[in-house]
Protein backbone atom coordinates (compact mmCIF):
# COMPACT_ATOMS: atom_id res chain seq x y z
CA UNK A 1 77.85 94.94 97.74
CA UNK A 2 80.15 94.98 95.64
CA UNK A 3 81.48 92.28 93.53
CA UNK A 4 84.61 91.97 91.56
CA UNK A 5 85.03 90.45 88.24
CA UNK A 6 86.40 90.35 85.01
CA UNK A 7 86.13 93.59 83.03
CA UNK A 8 83.68 93.70 80.19
CA UNK A 9 83.96 96.43 76.86
CA UNK A 10 80.92 98.11 78.70
CA UNK A 11 83.33 99.21 82.01
CA UNK A 12 85.87 100.54 80.13
CA UNK A 13 84.51 104.29 79.61
CA UNK A 14 84.43 103.94 83.88
CA UNK A 15 87.84 102.27 83.97
CA UNK A 16 89.55 105.14 82.05
CA UNK A 17 87.93 107.35 84.15
CA UNK A 18 89.16 106.38 87.80
CA UNK A 19 92.61 105.94 85.96
CA UNK A 20 92.65 109.16 84.60
CA UNK A 21 91.37 110.84 88.11
CA UNK A 22 94.28 109.08 90.03
CA UNK A 23 97.01 110.51 87.13
CA UNK A 24 95.48 113.79 87.41
CA UNK A 25 96.92 113.21 91.23
CA UNK A 26 99.75 111.72 89.75
CA UNK A 27 99.48 108.45 91.33
CA UNK A 28 99.98 106.48 88.44
CA UNK A 29 100.25 106.74 84.47
CA UNK A 30 97.17 107.24 82.27
CA UNK A 31 96.29 104.99 80.40
CA UNK A 32 94.36 105.62 76.69
CA UNK A 33 90.87 104.00 76.01
CA UNK A 34 92.60 102.08 72.89
CA UNK A 35 95.17 100.48 75.57
CA UNK A 36 92.01 99.31 78.16
CA UNK A 37 89.83 98.33 75.70
CA UNK A 38 93.43 96.18 73.86
CA UNK A 39 94.29 94.86 77.31
CA UNK A 40 90.21 94.01 78.65
CA UNK A 41 91.15 90.05 79.34
CA UNK A 42 94.26 91.72 82.21
CA UNK A 43 91.69 94.02 83.89
CA UNK A 44 88.82 93.49 86.77
CA UNK A 45 86.34 96.04 87.76
CA UNK A 46 84.26 96.16 91.35
CA UNK A 47 80.94 97.06 90.89
CA UNK A 48 78.09 98.03 92.92
CA UNK A 49 74.30 96.46 93.88
CA UNK A 50 73.38 99.22 90.49
CA UNK A 51 76.36 97.54 88.59
CA UNK A 52 78.30 100.73 88.58
CA UNK A 53 82.43 100.34 88.22
CA UNK A 54 83.75 101.61 91.56
CA UNK A 55 87.13 100.09 91.58
CA UNK A 56 89.39 98.23 88.83
CA UNK A 57 92.54 96.91 89.01
CA UNK A 58 94.93 94.76 86.24
CA UNK A 59 96.96 91.88 85.70
CA UNK A 60 99.89 92.16 83.51
CA UNK A 61 101.53 88.57 82.97
CA UNK A 62 105.17 88.66 82.19
CA UNK A 63 106.16 85.43 82.45
CA UNK A 64 105.42 81.67 84.63
CA UNK A 65 107.57 83.88 87.04
CA UNK A 66 105.73 87.47 86.82
CA UNK A 67 102.85 89.98 87.08
CA UNK A 68 102.61 93.28 87.28
CA UNK A 69 99.28 94.14 89.61
CA UNK A 70 98.32 98.11 88.05
CA UNK A 71 96.03 100.07 88.08
CA UNK A 72 94.28 99.96 90.95
CA UNK A 73 92.02 102.68 91.80
CA UNK A 74 88.70 103.04 93.75
CA UNK A 75 86.05 105.98 93.95
CA UNK A 76 86.46 108.03 96.65
CA UNK A 77 83.62 107.34 98.27
CA UNK A 78 84.56 103.82 98.65
CA UNK A 79 87.56 104.18 99.82
CA UNK A 80 88.69 102.36 103.05
CA UNK A 81 86.08 99.42 103.16
CA UNK A 82 88.00 96.93 101.27
CA UNK A 83 87.25 97.18 97.47
CA UNK A 84 90.75 98.11 97.17
CA UNK A 85 92.00 94.56 99.02
CA UNK A 86 89.18 92.70 97.30
CA UNK A 87 90.77 94.07 93.71
CA UNK A 88 93.76 93.04 95.17
CA UNK A 89 92.55 89.56 96.17
CA UNK A 90 91.33 88.50 92.81
CA UNK A 91 93.93 89.96 91.36
CA UNK A 92 96.85 87.24 93.57
CA UNK A 93 93.83 84.58 92.72
CA UNK A 94 93.70 85.00 89.35
CA UNK A 95 97.49 84.97 89.00
CA UNK A 96 97.37 81.75 91.39
CA UNK A 97 94.84 79.98 88.66
CA UNK A 98 97.10 81.34 85.77
CA UNK A 99 100.59 80.02 87.11
CA UNK A 100 102.38 83.05 88.07
CA UNK A 101 104.96 82.89 90.89
CA UNK A 102 105.37 85.99 91.91
CA UNK A 103 103.43 89.10 91.77
CA UNK A 104 104.67 93.14 92.02
CA UNK A 105 103.44 96.16 91.99
CA UNK A 106 105.05 99.48 91.95
CA UNK A 107 103.21 102.50 93.86
CA UNK A 108 103.49 105.54 95.77
CA UNK A 109 101.15 104.01 97.94
CA UNK A 110 103.34 101.27 99.51
CA UNK A 111 101.54 101.28 103.32
CA UNK A 112 98.32 99.47 100.92
CA UNK A 113 100.33 96.96 99.51
CA UNK A 114 102.15 96.32 102.53
CA UNK A 115 98.64 95.86 104.19
CA UNK A 116 98.14 93.23 101.54
CA UNK A 117 101.18 90.96 102.24
CA UNK A 118 103.76 92.21 100.11
CA UNK A 119 107.38 93.36 100.82
CA UNK A 120 109.56 95.98 99.45
CA UNK A 121 112.25 95.31 96.85
CA UNK A 122 114.83 97.14 95.17
CA UNK A 123 113.16 97.63 91.26
CA UNK A 124 116.53 96.57 89.95
CA UNK A 125 114.93 92.74 90.78
CA UNK A 126 112.12 93.52 88.49
CA UNK A 127 112.12 92.13 85.29
CA UNK A 128 113.29 94.31 82.84
CA UNK A 129 110.23 94.43 80.74
CA UNK A 130 108.74 96.44 82.78
CA UNK A 131 110.21 99.80 81.97
CA UNK A 132 109.05 100.42 78.95
CA UNK A 133 105.96 102.00 80.29
CA UNK A 134 107.78 104.26 82.58
CA UNK A 135 108.61 106.62 80.41
CA UNK A 136 105.12 107.65 79.94
CA UNK A 137 104.96 108.43 83.47
CA UNK A 138 105.41 112.02 84.63
CA UNK A 139 108.23 111.27 86.68
CA UNK A 140 110.70 109.65 84.50
CA UNK A 141 113.58 109.20 84.88
CA UNK A 142 112.97 110.35 88.20
CA UNK A 143 111.22 107.17 89.74
CA UNK A 144 108.68 108.16 93.25
CA UNK A 145 107.37 104.44 93.42
CA UNK A 146 108.40 102.04 95.29
CA UNK A 147 108.22 98.36 94.49
CA UNK A 148 106.60 95.66 95.96
CA UNK A 149 106.00 92.04 95.30
CA UNK A 150 103.76 88.80 96.84
CA UNK A 151 104.91 85.29 96.20
CA UNK A 152 101.70 83.54 95.08
CA UNK A 153 100.85 79.87 95.79
CA UNK A 154 100.32 78.48 92.51
CA UNK A 155 97.52 76.37 91.89
CA UNK A 156 98.74 72.33 91.09
CA UNK A 157 97.63 70.94 87.87
CA UNK A 158 94.67 68.80 88.23
CA UNK A 159 93.54 65.65 86.36
CA UNK A 160 90.30 65.78 87.66
CA UNK A 161 87.70 68.58 86.21
CA UNK A 162 90.03 69.27 83.00
CA UNK A 163 88.30 70.72 79.96
CA UNK A 164 87.10 68.25 77.51
CA UNK A 165 87.72 65.06 79.99
CA UNK A 166 84.25 64.11 80.01
CA UNK A 167 84.01 64.40 76.71
CA UNK A 168 83.74 60.55 75.82
CA UNK A 169 86.81 60.22 72.82
CA UNK A 170 84.60 59.30 69.95
CA UNK A 171 82.67 62.75 70.02
CA UNK A 172 85.81 64.34 69.47
CA UNK A 173 86.18 63.83 65.97
CA UNK A 174 89.41 63.40 64.16
CA UNK A 175 92.44 64.82 63.92
CA UNK A 176 92.96 67.35 61.11
CA UNK A 177 96.51 68.95 61.01
CA UNK A 178 97.14 67.85 65.03
CA UNK A 179 93.66 69.56 65.77
CA UNK A 180 90.74 67.78 66.97
CA UNK A 181 87.71 68.55 64.48
CA UNK A 182 84.23 67.78 66.15
CA UNK A 183 81.71 65.73 63.11
CA UNK A 184 79.42 68.82 63.18
CA UNK A 185 82.31 71.21 62.64
CA UNK A 186 83.28 69.84 59.12
CA UNK A 187 81.78 71.13 56.08
C-alpha cells in the first residue's frame, strides 16, 4: 500500500532521481541536491510497503494567497495507480492547514491536474515571484507550460487543541523579552 508523508533527508537522493528523470524528458526543471535539501520542509513523498520512494511533490508557499505545487513525479511502474493524485491531495491538505487560499501549478500535463480539480488560467494572473525559477527551464523564454489553479478551503483557526492550551499557566514560567521560559530551562 502506498503512503504519502513529509520527506526526510534520507529521501532526497530518490527525489532527486525522480525529478532528474522527468527533467531528461523535459517535463520539469532539474533541481540540484543542495536545493532539495534546503527545501526539504516543502517536499512530500509517496512510499511503498518497503519504504521505497515511488513519487514526490513539493508545495512552495508564496504567501497567504498562493502556493505552488511543483515537482510532482511518479515512478513509471506506479503511474495510473492514484499515486500522483494522492500526492496532489496531500499538498492541498497541507495548503489548507497552512492557510493558503490558492494552489497553482505550471505543467506540460494539464489534463492530469484538471482531473484533480484544477482550472486553466492565464500565467499573467500568477505572482511575479514564480518566474525566478523559469530561467533554468530548457524552454525559457518560450514557455510551454500551462498554468492551472485550484481554490483551497482554508481550515479555520481553532482554540480547542491549540498547542500549549492545555498547559497550566504556572508551568510556562516567566517571560524573558516576551518569550515564555520554562523554569527547567533556566540555567
